[in-house]
């Protein structure tokens, strides 16, 4: 064994240096690597939900409904496939474009006897 150490003095020095350096930097690297993996595991579902939400809103804006028969189409044509009536977009039905007076429902109070 002593002959091996004398013959491979450089190998022995470098192996001692490696055995001292690896635990110091290796544990730090391992902790940071596991932390990054944990962050990715938490952020990937959030990013996927964001993509699904944006895709759903994009899909929803292209949907048209027939005012005559009520069938739904994806906005590829302006006429209904079932009855041939003109299609209206769902966004046009949205009440954000109307005046507040048009949104208000007036109710008359009557006394019940």
PDB file of N, CA and C in Angstrom:
ATOM      1  N   UNK A   1       0.822  -1.185   0.000  1.00  0.00           N
ATOM      2  CA  UNK A   1       0.000   0.000   0.000  1.00  0.00           C
ATOM      3  C   UNK A   1       0.870   1.254   0.000  1.00  0.00           C
ATOM      4  N   UNK A   2       1.940   1.225   0.798  1.00  0.00           N
ATOM      5  CA  UNK A   2       2.832   2.375   0.859  1.00  0.00           C
ATOM      6  C   UNK A   2       3.508   2.573  -0.496  1.00  0.00           C
ATOM      7  N   UNK A   3       3.839   1.481  -1.165  1.00  0.00           N
ATOM      8  CA  UNK A   3       4.446   1.585  -2.495  1.00  0.00           C
ATOM      9  C   UNK A   3       3.466   2.243  -3.467  1.00  0.00           C
ATOM     10  N   UNK A   4       2.196   1.901  -3.368  1.00  0.00           N
ATOM     11  CA  UNK A   4       1.170   2.483  -4.246  1.00  0.00           C
ATOM     12  C   UNK A   4       1.052   3.993  -4.022  1.00  0.00           C
ATOM     13  N   UNK A   5       1.092   4.429  -2.770  1.00  0.00           N
ATOM     14  CA  UNK A   5       0.996   5.855  -2.448  1.00  0.00           C
ATOM     15  C   UNK A   5       2.229   6.600  -2.955  1.00  0.00           C
ATOM     16  N   UNK A   6       3.413   5.994  -2.790  1.00  0.00           N
ATOM     17  CA  UNK A   6       4.632   6.650  -3.273  1.00  0.00           C
ATOM     18  C   UNK A   6       4.642   6.728  -4.797  1.00  0.00           C
ATOM     19  N   UNK A   7       4.161   5.688  -5.455  1.00  0.00           N
ATOM     20  CA  UNK A   7       4.191   5.656  -6.916  1.00  0.00           C
ATOM     21  C   UNK A   7       3.154   6.610  -7.514  1.00  0.00           C
ATOM     22  N   UNK A   8       2.048   6.760  -6.864  1.00  0.00           N
ATOM     23  CA  UNK A   8       0.969   7.596  -7.404  1.00  0.00           C
ATOM     24  C   UNK A   8       0.696   8.781  -6.482  1.00  0.00           C
ATOM     25  N   UNK A   9       1.715   9.557  -6.241  1.00  0.00           N
ATOM     26  CA  UNK A   9       1.607  10.690  -5.331  1.00  0.00           C
ATOM     27  C   UNK A   9       0.598  11.722  -5.855  1.00  0.00           C
ATOM     28  N   UNK A  10       0.639  11.998  -7.142  1.00  0.00           N
ATOM     29  CA  UNK A  10      -0.285  12.981  -7.730  1.00  0.00           C
ATOM     30  C   UNK A  10      -1.727  12.483  -7.684  1.00  0.00           C
ATOM     31  N   UNK A  11      -1.922  11.200  -7.949  1.00  0.00           N
ATOM     32  CA  UNK A  11      -3.260  10.627  -7.901  1.00  0.00           C
ATOM     33  C   UNK A  11      -3.830  10.732  -6.492  1.00  0.00           C
ATOM     34  N   UNK A  12      -3.007  10.480  -5.500  1.00  0.00           N
ATOM     35  CA  UNK A  12      -3.445  10.560  -4.111  1.00  0.00           C
ATOM     36  C   UNK A  12      -3.820  11.998  -3.739  1.00  0.00           C
ATOM     37  N   UNK A  13      -3.016  12.988  -4.177  1.00  0.00           N
ATOM     38  CA  UNK A  13      -3.299  14.394  -3.885  1.00  0.00           C
ATOM     39  C   UNK A  13      -4.624  14.826  -4.519  1.00  0.00           C
ATOM     40  N   UNK A  14      -4.769  14.503  -5.782  1.00  0.00           N
ATOM     41  CA  UNK A  14      -5.985  14.919  -6.488  1.00  0.00           C
ATOM     42  C   UNK A  14      -7.225  14.212  -5.947  1.00  0.00           C
ATOM     43  N   UNK A  15      -7.105  12.987  -5.551  1.00  0.00           N
ATOM     44  CA  UNK A  15      -8.265  12.283  -5.003  1.00  0.00           C
ATOM     45  C   UNK A  15      -8.676  12.877  -3.654  1.00  0.00           C
ATOM     46  N   UNK A  16      -7.689  13.285  -2.842  1.00  0.00           N
ATOM     47  CA  UNK A  16      -8.018  13.945  -1.578  1.00  0.00           C
ATOM     48  C   UNK A  16      -8.691  15.292  -1.819  1.00  0.00           C
ATOM     49  N   UNK A  17      -8.191  16.035  -2.788  1.00  0.00           N
ATOM     50  CA  UNK A  17      -8.799  17.334  -3.113  1.00  0.00           C
ATOM     51  C   UNK A  17     -10.230  17.128  -3.595  1.00  0.00           C
ATOM     52  N   UNK A  18     -10.448  16.168  -4.452  1.00  0.00           N
ATOM     53  CA  UNK A  18     -11.790  15.895  -4.970  1.00  0.00           C
ATOM     54  C   UNK A  18     -12.725  15.459  -3.849  1.00  0.00           C
ATOM     55  N   UNK A  19     -12.241  14.595  -2.954  1.00  0.00           N
ATOM     56  CA  UNK A  19     -13.076  14.138  -1.844  1.00  0.00           C
ATOM     57  C   UNK A  19     -13.411  15.264  -0.866  1.00  0.00           C
ATOM     58  N   UNK A  20     -12.583  16.297  -0.807  1.00  0.00           N
ATOM     59  CA  UNK A  20     -12.875  17.429   0.064  1.00  0.00           C
ATOM     60  C   UNK A  20     -13.775  18.459  -0.626  1.00  0.00           C
ATOM     61  N   UNK A  21     -13.639  18.627  -1.942  1.00  0.00           N
ATOM     62  CA  UNK A  21     -14.375  19.651  -2.669  1.00  0.00           C
ATOM     63  C   UNK A  21     -15.793  19.200  -3.012  1.00  0.00           C
ATOM     64  N   UNK A  22     -15.969  17.949  -3.382  1.00  0.00           N
ATOM     65  CA  UNK A  22     -17.281  17.456  -3.815  1.00  0.00           C
ATOM     66  C   UNK A  22     -18.349  17.614  -2.737  1.00  0.00           C
ATOM     67  N   UNK A  23     -18.100  17.242  -1.486  1.00  0.00           N
ATOM     68  CA  UNK A  23     -19.178  17.428  -0.502  1.00  0.00           C
ATOM     69  C   UNK A  23     -19.572  18.886  -0.295  1.00  0.00           C
ATOM     70  N   UNK A  24     -18.613  19.795  -0.377  1.00  0.00           N
ATOM     71  CA  UNK A  24     -18.928  21.208  -0.147  1.00  0.00           C
ATOM     72  C   UNK A  24     -19.784  21.752  -1.289  1.00  0.00           C
ATOM     73  N   UNK A  25     -19.307  21.603  -2.513  1.00  0.00           N
ATOM     74  CA  UNK A  25     -20.039  22.146  -3.656  1.00  0.00           C
ATOM     75  C   UNK A  25     -21.135  21.204  -4.128  1.00  0.00           C
ATOM     76  N   UNK A  26     -20.977  19.926  -3.918  1.00  0.00           N
ATOM     77  CA  UNK A  26     -21.972  18.962  -4.363  1.00  0.00           C
ATOM     78  C   UNK A  26     -23.272  19.081  -3.609  1.00  0.00           C
ATOM     79  N   UNK A  27     -23.218  19.287  -2.301  1.00  0.00           N
ATOM     80  CA  UNK A  27     -24.440  19.425  -1.510  1.00  0.00           C
ATOM     81  C   UNK A  27     -25.144  20.725  -1.860  1.00  0.00           C
ATOM     82  N   UNK A  28     -24.393  21.781  -2.046  1.00  0.00           N
ATOM     83  CA  UNK A  28     -24.987  23.054  -2.443  1.00  0.00           C
ATOM     84  C   UNK A  28     -25.652  22.916  -3.806  1.00  0.00           C
ATOM     85  N   UNK A  29     -24.981  22.281  -4.732  1.00  0.00           N
ATOM     86  CA  UNK A  29     -25.553  22.058  -6.054  1.00  0.00           C
ATOM     87  C   UNK A  29     -26.801  21.206  -5.967  1.00  0.00           C
ATOM     88  N   UNK A  30     -26.766  20.162  -5.155  1.00  0.00           N
ATOM     89  CA  UNK A  30     -27.910  19.263  -5.024  1.00  0.00           C
ATOM     90  C   UNK A  30     -29.109  19.994  -4.429  1.00  0.00           C
ATOM     91  N   UNK A  31     -28.893  20.814  -3.422  1.00  0.00           N
ATOM     92  CA  UNK A  31     -29.989  21.562  -2.805  1.00  0.00           C
ATOM     93  C   UNK A  31     -30.591  22.559  -3.802  1.00  0.00           C
ATOM     94  N   UNK A  32     -29.754  23.263  -4.525  1.00  0.00           N
ATOM     95  CA  UNK A  32     -30.274  24.227  -5.495  1.00  0.00           C
ATOM     96  C   UNK A  32     -30.982  23.516  -6.650  1.00  0.00           C
ATOM     97  N   UNK A  33     -30.473  22.380  -7.056  1.00  0.00           N
ATOM     98  CA  UNK A  33     -31.099  21.613  -8.136  1.00  0.00           C
ATOM     99  C   UNK A  33     -32.479  21.122  -7.713  1.00  0.00           C
ATOM    100  N   UNK A  34     -32.583  20.583  -6.500  1.00  0.00           N
ATOM    101  CA  UNK A  34     -33.879  20.116  -6.013  1.00  0.00           C
ATOM    102  C   UNK A  34     -34.850  21.278  -5.818  1.00  0.00           C
ATOM    103  N   UNK A  35     -34.341  22.432  -5.386  1.00  0.00           N
ATOM    104  CA  UNK A  35     -35.196  23.611  -5.250  1.00  0.00           C
ATOM    105  C   UNK A  35     -35.736  24.076  -6.585  1.00  0.00           C
ATOM    106  N   UNK A  36     -34.903  24.044  -7.617  1.00  0.00           N
ATOM    107  CA  UNK A  36     -35.362  24.446  -8.949  1.00  0.00           C
ATOM    108  C   UNK A  36     -36.389  23.467  -9.498  1.00  0.00           C
ATOM    109  N   UNK A  37     -36.185  22.189  -9.246  1.00  0.00           N
ATOM    110  CA  UNK A  37     -37.165  21.197  -9.691  1.00  0.00           C
ATOM    111  C   UNK A  37     -38.491  21.406  -8.971  1.00  0.00           C
ATOM    112  N   UNK A  38     -38.446  21.718  -7.683  1.00  0.00           N
ATOM    113  CA  UNK A  38     -39.667  21.973  -6.925  1.00  0.00           C
ATOM    114  C   UNK A  38     -40.392  23.201  -7.459  1.00  0.00           C
ATOM    115  N   UNK A  39     -39.650  24.242  -7.783  1.00  0.00           N
ATOM    116  CA  UNK A  39     -40.264  25.447  -8.348  1.00  0.00           C
ATOM    117  C   UNK A  39     -40.923  25.121  -9.686  1.00  0.00           C
ATOM    118  N   UNK A  40     -40.244  24.342 -10.522  1.00  0.00           N
ATOM    119  CA  UNK A  40     -40.831  23.955 -11.806  1.00  0.00           C
ATOM    120  C   UNK A  40     -42.093  23.126 -11.622  1.00  0.00           C
ATOM    121  N   UNK A  41     -42.074  22.219 -10.661  1.00  0.00           N
ATOM    122  CA  UNK A  41     -43.256  21.396 -10.426  1.00  0.00           C
ATOM    123  C   UNK A  41     -44.439  22.227  -9.946  1.00  0.00           C
ATOM    124  N   UNK A  42     -44.170  23.321  -9.271  1.00  0.00           N
ATOM    125  CA  UNK A  42     -45.255  24.184  -8.826  1.00  0.00           C
ATOM    126  C   UNK A  42     -45.709  25.154  -9.909  1.00  0.00           C
ATOM    127  N   UNK A  43     -44.793  25.611 -10.756  1.00  0.00           N
ATOM    128  CA  UNK A  43     -45.142  26.613 -11.755  1.00  0.00           C
ATOM    129  C   UNK A  43     -45.736  26.034 -13.037  1.00  0.00           C
ATOM    130  N   UNK A  44     -45.368  24.816 -13.393  1.00  0.00           N
ATOM    131  CA  UNK A  44     -45.885  24.231 -14.634  1.00  0.00           C
ATOM    132  C   UNK A  44     -47.405  24.109 -14.614  1.00  0.00           C
ATOM    133  N   UNK A  45     -48.041  23.623 -13.533  1.00  0.00           N
ATOM    134  CA  UNK A  45     -49.511  23.598 -13.542  1.00  0.00           C
ATOM    135  C   UNK A  45     -50.136  24.987 -13.630  1.00  0.00           C
ATOM    136  N   UNK A  46     -49.521  25.975 -13.008  1.00  0.00           N
ATOM    137  CA  UNK A  46     -50.050  27.338 -13.087  1.00  0.00           C
ATOM    138  C   UNK A  46     -49.959  27.851 -14.521  1.00  0.00           C
ATOM    139  N   UNK A  47     -48.842  27.599 -15.177  1.00  0.00           N
ATOM    140  CA  UNK A  47     -48.694  28.027 -16.568  1.00  0.00           C
ATOM    141  C   UNK A  47     -49.662  27.293 -17.488  1.00  0.00           C
ATOM    142  N   UNK A  48     -49.884  26.003 -17.237  1.00  0.00           N
ATOM    143  CA  UNK A  48     -50.845  25.250 -18.044  1.00  0.00           C
ATOM    144  C   UNK A  48     -52.265  25.780 -17.851  1.00  0.00           C
ATOM    145  N   UNK A  49     -52.624  26.116 -16.633  1.00  0.00           N
ATOM    146  CA  UNK A  49     -53.947  26.692 -16.393  1.00  0.00           C
ATOM    147  C   UNK A  49     -54.107  28.037 -17.102  1.00  0.00           C
ATOM    148  N   UNK A  50     -53.053  28.827 -17.122  1.00  0.00           N
ATOM    149  CA  UNK A  50     -53.094  30.101 -17.824  1.00  0.00           C
ATOM    150  C   UNK A  50     -53.287  29.907 -19.326  1.00  0.00           C
ATOM    151  N   UNK A  51     -52.585  28.947 -19.896  1.00  0.00           N
ATOM    152  CA  UNK A  51     -52.726  28.661 -21.332  1.00  0.00           C
ATOM    153  C   UNK A  51     -54.132  28.160 -21.642  1.00  0.00           C
ATOM    154  N   UNK A  52     -54.676  27.291 -20.797  1.00  0.00           N
ATOM    155  CA  UNK A  52     -56.033  26.778 -21.010  1.00  0.00           C
ATOM    156  C   UNK A  52     -57.046  27.909 -20.897  1.00  0.00           C
ATOM    157  N   UNK A  53     -56.865  28.794 -19.930  1.00  0.00           N
ATOM    158  CA  UNK A  53     -57.781  29.922 -19.769  1.00  0.00           C
ATOM    159  C   UNK A  53     -57.758  30.837 -20.987  1.00  0.00           C
ATOM    160  N   UNK A  54     -56.563  31.156 -21.491  1.00  0.00           N
ATOM    161  CA  UNK A  54     -56.461  32.018 -22.674  1.00  0.00           C
ATOM    162  C   UNK A  54     -57.048  31.337 -23.909  1.00  0.00           C
ATOM    163  N   UNK A  55     -56.808  30.047 -24.043  1.00  0.00           N
ATOM    164  CA  UNK A  55     -57.377  29.305 -25.169  1.00  0.00           C
ATOM    165  C   UNK A  55     -58.886  29.248 -25.104  1.00  0.00           C
ATOM    166  N   UNK A  56     -59.428  29.054 -23.904  1.00  0.00           N
ATOM    167  CA  UNK A  56     -60.883  29.012 -23.749  1.00  0.00           C
ATOM    168  C   UNK A  56     -61.509  30.353 -24.097  1.00  0.00           C
ATOM    169  N   UNK A  57     -60.886  31.453 -23.670  1.00  0.00           N
ATOM    170  CA  UNK A  57     -61.419  32.780 -24.009  1.00  0.00           C
ATOM    171  C   UNK A  57     -61.338  33.042 -25.513  1.00  0.00           C
ATOM    172  N   UNK A  58     -60.273  32.593 -26.142  1.00  0.00           N
ATOM    173  CA  UNK A  58     -60.154  32.747 -27.592  1.00  0.00           C
ATOM    174  C   UNK A  58     -61.213  31.923 -28.311  1.00  0.00           C
ATOM    175  N   UNK A  59     -61.442  30.712 -27.835  1.00  0.00           N
ATOM    176  CA  UNK A  59     -62.458  29.840 -28.431  1.00  0.00           C
ATOM    177  C   UNK A  59     -63.853  30.416 -28.221  1.00  0.00           C
ATOM    178  N   UNK A  60     -64.101  30.988 -27.043  1.00  0.00           N
ATOM    179  CA  UNK A  60     -65.404  31.534 -26.720  1.00  0.00           C
ATOM    180  C   UNK A  60     -65.733  32.742 -27.590  1.00  0.00           C
ATOM    181  N   UNK A  61     -64.737  33.512 -27.970  1.00  0.00           N
ATOM    182  CA  UNK A  61     -64.994  34.699 -28.784  1.00  0.00           C
ATOM    183  C   UNK A  61     -65.374  34.348 -30.220  1.00  0.00           C
ATOM    184  N   UNK A  62     -65.100  33.127 -30.657  1.00  0.00           N
ATOM    185  CA  UNK A  62     -65.414  32.722 -32.028  1.00  0.00           C
ATOM    186  C   UNK A  62     -66.742  31.990 -32.151  1.00  0.00           C
ATOM    187  N   UNK A  63     -67.430  31.763 -31.042  1.00  0.00           N
ATOM    188  CA  UNK A  63     -68.681  31.015 -31.076  1.00  0.00           C
ATOM    189  C   UNK A  63     -69.827  31.936 -31.494  1.00  0.00           C
ATOM    190  N   UNK A  64     -70.645  31.462 -32.435  1.00  0.00           N
ATOM    191  CA  UNK A  64     -71.823  32.182 -32.895  1.00  0.00           C
ATOM    192  C   UNK A  64     -73.056  31.349 -32.583  1.00  0.00           C
ATOM    193  N   UNK A  65     -74.181  32.027 -32.280  1.00  0.00           N
ATOM    194  CA  UNK A  65     -75.438  31.327 -32.047  1.00  0.00           C
ATOM    195  C   UNK A  65     -76.483  31.807 -33.038  1.00  0.00           C
ATOM    196  N   UNK A  66     -77.335  30.918 -33.400  1.00  0.00           N
ATOM    197  CA  UNK A  66     -78.411  31.248 -34.324  1.00  0.00           C
ATOM    198  C   UNK A  66     -79.565  31.839 -33.521  1.00  0.00           C
ATOM    199  N   UNK A  67     -80.070  32.994 -33.958  1.00  0.00           N
ATOM    200  CA  UNK A  67     -81.190  33.619 -33.251  1.00  0.00           C
ATOM    201  C   UNK A  67     -82.507  32.935 -33.579  1.00  0.00           C
ATOM    202  N   UNK A  68     -82.540  32.140 -34.646  1.00  0.00           N
ATOM    203  CA  UNK A  68     -83.777  31.483 -35.061  1.00  0.00           C
ATOM    204  C   UNK A  68     -83.958  30.120 -34.391  1.00  0.00           C
ATOM    205  N   UNK A  69     -82.929  29.246 -34.509  1.00  0.00           N
ATOM    206  CA  UNK A  69     -83.069  27.885 -33.967  1.00  0.00           C
ATOM    207  C   UNK A  69     -82.217  27.632 -32.723  1.00  0.00           C
ATOM    208  N   UNK A  70     -81.265  28.503 -32.437  1.00  0.00           N
ATOM    209  CA  UNK A  70     -80.463  28.365 -31.225  1.00  0.00           C
ATOM    210  C   UNK A  70     -79.249  27.470 -31.357  1.00  0.00           C
ATOM    211  N   UNK A  71     -78.936  26.997 -32.551  1.00  0.00           N
ATOM    212  CA  UNK A  71     -77.753  26.142 -32.718  1.00  0.00           C
ATOM    213  C   UNK A  71     -76.476  26.978 -32.625  1.00  0.00           C
ATOM    214  N   UNK A  72     -75.387  26.300 -32.296  1.00  0.00           N
ATOM    215  CA  UNK A  72     -74.107  26.976 -32.067  1.00  0.00           C
ATOM    216  C   UNK A  72     -73.125  26.558 -33.156  1.00  0.00           C
ATOM    217  N   UNK A  73     -72.356  27.529 -33.681  1.00  0.00           N
ATOM    218  CA  UNK A  73     -71.304  27.224 -34.650  1.00  0.00           C
ATOM    219  C   UNK A  73     -70.045  27.984 -34.276  1.00  0.00           C
ATOM    220  N   UNK A  74     -68.938  27.640 -34.941  1.00  0.00           N
ATOM    221  CA  UNK A  74     -67.644  28.223 -34.590  1.00  0.00           C
ATOM    222  C   UNK A  74     -67.278  29.463 -35.389  1.00  0.00           C
ATOM    223  N   UNK A  75     -68.202  30.113 -35.988  1.00  0.00           N
ATOM    224  CA  UNK A  75     -67.915  31.378 -36.664  1.00  0.00           C
ATOM    225  C   UNK A  75     -67.256  31.208 -38.017  1.00  0.00           C
ATOM    226  N   UNK A  76     -67.377  30.042 -38.630  1.00  0.00           N
ATOM    227  CA  UNK A  76     -66.795  29.835 -39.948  1.00  0.00           C
ATOM    228  C   UNK A  76     -67.668  30.422 -41.043  1.00  0.00           C
ATOM    229  N   UNK A  77     -68.965  30.578 -40.761  1.00  0.00           N
ATOM    230  CA  UNK A  77     -69.865  31.160 -41.745  1.00  0.00           C
ATOM    231  C   UNK A  77     -70.785  32.162 -41.055  1.00  0.00           C
ATOM    232  N   UNK A  78     -71.475  32.966 -41.854  1.00  0.00           N
ATOM    233  CA  UNK A  78     -72.391  33.971 -41.303  1.00  0.00           C
ATOM    234  C   UNK A  78     -73.827  33.473 -41.262  1.00  0.00           C
ATOM    235  N   UNK A  79     -74.081  32.320 -41.854  1.00  0.00           N
ATOM    236  CA  UNK A  79     -75.444  31.779 -41.852  1.00  0.00           C
ATOM    237  C   UNK A  79     -75.487  30.458 -41.101  1.00  0.00           C
ATOM    238  N   UNK A  80     -76.623  30.145 -40.546  1.00  0.00           N
ATOM    239  CA  UNK A  80     -76.816  28.922 -39.761  1.00  0.00           C
ATOM    240  C   UNK A  80     -76.850  27.715 -40.691  1.00  0.00           C
ATOM    241  N   UNK A  81     -76.225  26.628 -40.275  1.00  0.00           N
ATOM    242  CA  UNK A  81     -76.201  25.401 -41.066  1.00  0.00           C
ATOM    243  C   UNK A  81     -77.566  24.715 -41.026  1.00  0.00           C
ATOM    244  N   UNK A  82     -78.274  24.822 -39.904  1.00  0.00           N
ATOM    245  CA  UNK A  82     -79.564  24.135 -39.756  1.00  0.00           C
ATOM    246  C   UNK A  82     -80.698  24.848 -40.466  1.00  0.00           C
ATOM    247  N   UNK A  83     -80.849  26.149 -40.231  1.00  0.00           N
ATOM    248  CA  UNK A  83     -82.031  26.842 -40.765  1.00  0.00           C
ATOM    249  C   UNK A  83     -81.708  27.928 -41.786  1.00  0.00           C
ATOM    250  N   UNK A  84     -80.452  28.340 -41.914  1.00  0.00           N
ATOM    251  CA  UNK A  84     -80.064  29.346 -42.899  1.00  0.00           C
ATOM    252  C   UNK A  84     -80.218  30.777 -42.439  1.00  0.00           C
ATOM    253  N   UNK A  85     -80.581  30.997 -41.194  1.00  0.00           N
ATOM    254  CA  UNK A  85     -80.739  32.361 -40.674  1.00  0.00           C
ATOM    255  C   UNK A  85     -79.368  32.970 -40.395  1.00  0.00           C
ATOM    256  N   UNK A  86     -79.357  34.285 -40.239  1.00  0.00           N
ATOM    257  CA  UNK A  86     -78.102  34.979 -39.963  1.00  0.00           C
ATOM    258  C   UNK A  86     -77.683  34.726 -38.515  1.00  0.00           C
ATOM    259  N   UNK A  87     -76.389  34.472 -38.329  1.00  0.00           N
ATOM    260  CA  UNK A  87     -75.857  34.198 -36.997  1.00  0.00           C
ATOM    261  C   UNK A  87     -75.473  35.489 -36.300  1.00  0.00           C
ATOM    262  N   UNK A  88     -75.630  35.504 -34.979  1.00  0.00           N
ATOM    263  CA  UNK A  88     -75.184  36.640 -34.174  1.00  0.00           C
ATOM    264  C   UNK A  88     -74.105  36.149 -33.232  1.00  0.00           C
ATOM    265  N   UNK A  89     -73.110  36.984 -33.032  1.00  0.00           N
ATOM    266  CA  UNK A  89     -72.025  36.605 -32.135  1.00  0.00           C
ATOM    267  C   UNK A  89     -72.474  36.725 -30.690  1.00  0.00           C
ATOM    268  N   UNK A  90     -71.913  35.890 -29.842  1.00  0.00           N
ATOM    269  CA  UNK A  90     -72.253  35.927 -28.421  1.00  0.00           C
ATOM    270  C   UNK A  90     -71.798  37.256 -27.814  1.00  0.00           C
ATOM    271  N   UNK A  91     -70.685  37.786 -28.284  1.00  0.00           N
ATOM    272  CA  UNK A  91     -70.178  39.046 -27.738  1.00  0.00           C
ATOM    273  C   UNK A  91     -71.114  40.208 -28.062  1.00  0.00           C
ATOM    274  N   UNK A  92     -71.836  40.136 -29.195  1.00  0.00           N
ATOM    275  CA  UNK A  92     -72.779  41.194 -29.534  1.00  0.00           C
ATOM    276  C   UNK A  92     -73.977  41.166 -28.598  1.00  0.00           C
ATOM    277  N   UNK A  93     -74.286  39.987 -28.052  1.00  0.00           N
ATOM    278  CA  UNK A  93     -75.383  39.870 -27.102  1.00  0.00           C
ATOM    279  C   UNK A  93     -74.985  40.393 -25.730  1.00  0.00           C
ATOM    280  N   UNK A  94     -73.696  40.548 -25.514  1.00  0.00           N
ATOM    281  CA  UNK A  94     -73.199  40.983 -24.205  1.00  0.00           C
ATOM    282  C   UNK A  94     -73.784  42.349 -23.856  1.00  0.00           C
ATOM    283  N   UNK A  95     -74.147  42.519 -22.618  1.00  0.00           N
ATOM    284  CA  UNK A  95     -74.820  43.741 -22.221  1.00  0.00           C
ATOM    285  C   UNK A  95     -73.859  44.885 -21.934  1.00  0.00           C
ATOM    286  N   UNK A  96     -72.572  44.694 -22.131  1.00  0.00           N
ATOM    287  CA  UNK A  96     -71.618  45.776 -21.896  1.00  0.00           C
ATOM    288  C   UNK A  96     -71.746  46.877 -22.938  1.00  0.00           C
ATOM    289  N   UNK A  97     -72.286  46.555 -24.107  1.00  0.00           N
ATOM    290  CA  UNK A  97     -72.415  47.544 -25.168  1.00  0.00           C
ATOM    291  C   UNK A  97     -73.692  48.365 -25.038  1.00  0.00           C
ATOM    292  N   UNK A  98     -74.602  47.978 -24.165  1.00  0.00           N
ATOM    293  CA  UNK A  98     -75.875  48.669 -24.032  1.00  0.00           C
ATOM    294  C   UNK A  98     -75.769  49.803 -23.018  1.00  0.00           C
ATOM    295  N   UNK A  99     -76.704  50.739 -23.145  1.00  0.00           N
ATOM    296  CA  UNK A  99     -76.784  51.841 -22.199  1.00  0.00           C
ATOM    297  C   UNK A  99     -77.380  51.328 -20.892  1.00  0.00           C
ATOM    298  N   UNK A 100     -77.071  51.976 -19.784  1.00  0.00           N
ATOM    299  CA  UNK A 100     -77.631  51.528 -18.506  1.00  0.00           C
ATOM    300  C   UNK A 100     -79.157  51.565 -18.468  1.00  0.00           C
ATOM    301  N   UNK A 101     -79.773  52.519 -19.187  1.00  0.00           N
ATOM    302  CA  UNK A 101     -81.235  52.588 -19.176  1.00  0.00           C
ATOM    303  C   UNK A 101     -81.853  51.382 -19.877  1.00  0.00           C
ATOM    304  N   UNK A 102     -81.138  50.786 -20.809  1.00  0.00           N
ATOM    305  CA  UNK A 102     -81.648  49.603 -21.491  1.00  0.00           C
ATOM    306  C   UNK A 102     -81.515  48.353 -20.624  1.00  0.00           C
ATOM    307  N   UNK A 103     -80.608  48.372 -19.666  1.00  0.00           N
ATOM    308  CA  UNK A 103     -80.409  47.234 -18.785  1.00  0.00           C
ATOM    309  C   UNK A 103     -81.416  47.209 -17.641  1.00  0.00           C
ATOM    310  N   UNK A 104     -81.945  48.369 -17.286  1.00  0.00           N
ATOM    311  CA  UNK A 104     -82.817  48.471 -16.125  1.00  0.00           C
ATOM    312  C   UNK A 104     -84.181  47.868 -16.431  1.00  0.00           C
ATOM    313  N   UNK A 105     -84.680  47.080 -15.503  1.00  0.00           N
ATOM    314  CA  UNK A 105     -86.008  46.502 -15.630  1.00  0.00           C
ATOM    315  C   UNK A 105     -86.925  47.278 -14.689  1.00  0.00           C
ATOM    316  N   UNK A 106     -87.968  47.835 -15.262  1.00  0.00           N
ATOM    317  CA  UNK A 106     -88.907  48.584 -14.438  1.00  0.00           C
ATOM    318  C   UNK A 106     -90.010  47.651 -13.975  1.00  0.00           C
ATOM    319  N   UNK A 107     -90.282  47.707 -12.696  1.00  0.00           N
ATOM    320  CA  UNK A 107     -91.306  46.853 -12.100  1.00  0.00           C
ATOM    321  C   UNK A 107     -92.372  47.747 -11.490  1.00  0.00           C
ATOM    322  N   UNK A 108     -93.612  47.441 -11.793  1.00  0.00           N
ATOM    323  CA  UNK A 108     -94.725  48.179 -11.208  1.00  0.00           C
ATOM    324  C   UNK A 108     -95.209  47.411  -9.998  1.00  0.00           C
ATOM    325  N   UNK A 109     -95.359  48.093  -8.915  1.00  0.00           N
ATOM    326  CA  UNK A 109     -95.839  47.467  -7.683  1.00  0.00           C
ATOM    327  C   UNK A 109     -97.346  47.470  -7.662  1.00  0.00           C
ATOM    328  N   UNK A 110     -97.913  46.319  -7.361  1.00  0.00           N
ATOM    329  CA  UNK A 110     -99.374  46.213  -7.236  1.00  0.00           C
ATOM    330  C   UNK A 110     -99.683  45.624  -5.872  1.00  0.00           C
ATOM    331  N   UNK A 111    -100.749  46.075  -5.330  1.00  0.00           N
ATOM    332  CA  UNK A 111    -101.156  45.568  -4.024  1.00  0.00           C
ATOM    333  C   UNK A 111    -102.024  44.326  -4.225  1.00  0.00           C
ATOM    334  N   UNK A 112    -101.672  43.273  -3.503  1.00  0.00           N
ATOM    335  CA  UNK A 112    -102.413  42.020  -3.589  1.00  0.00           C
ATOM    336  C   UNK A 112    -103.423  41.988  -2.450  1.00  0.00           C
ATOM    337  N   UNK A 113    -104.661  41.724  -2.790  1.00  0.00           N
ATOM    338  CA  UNK A 113    -105.712  41.693  -1.758  1.00  0.00           C
ATOM    339  C   UNK A 113    -106.140  40.298  -1.454  1.00  0.00           C
TER     340      UNK A 113
END
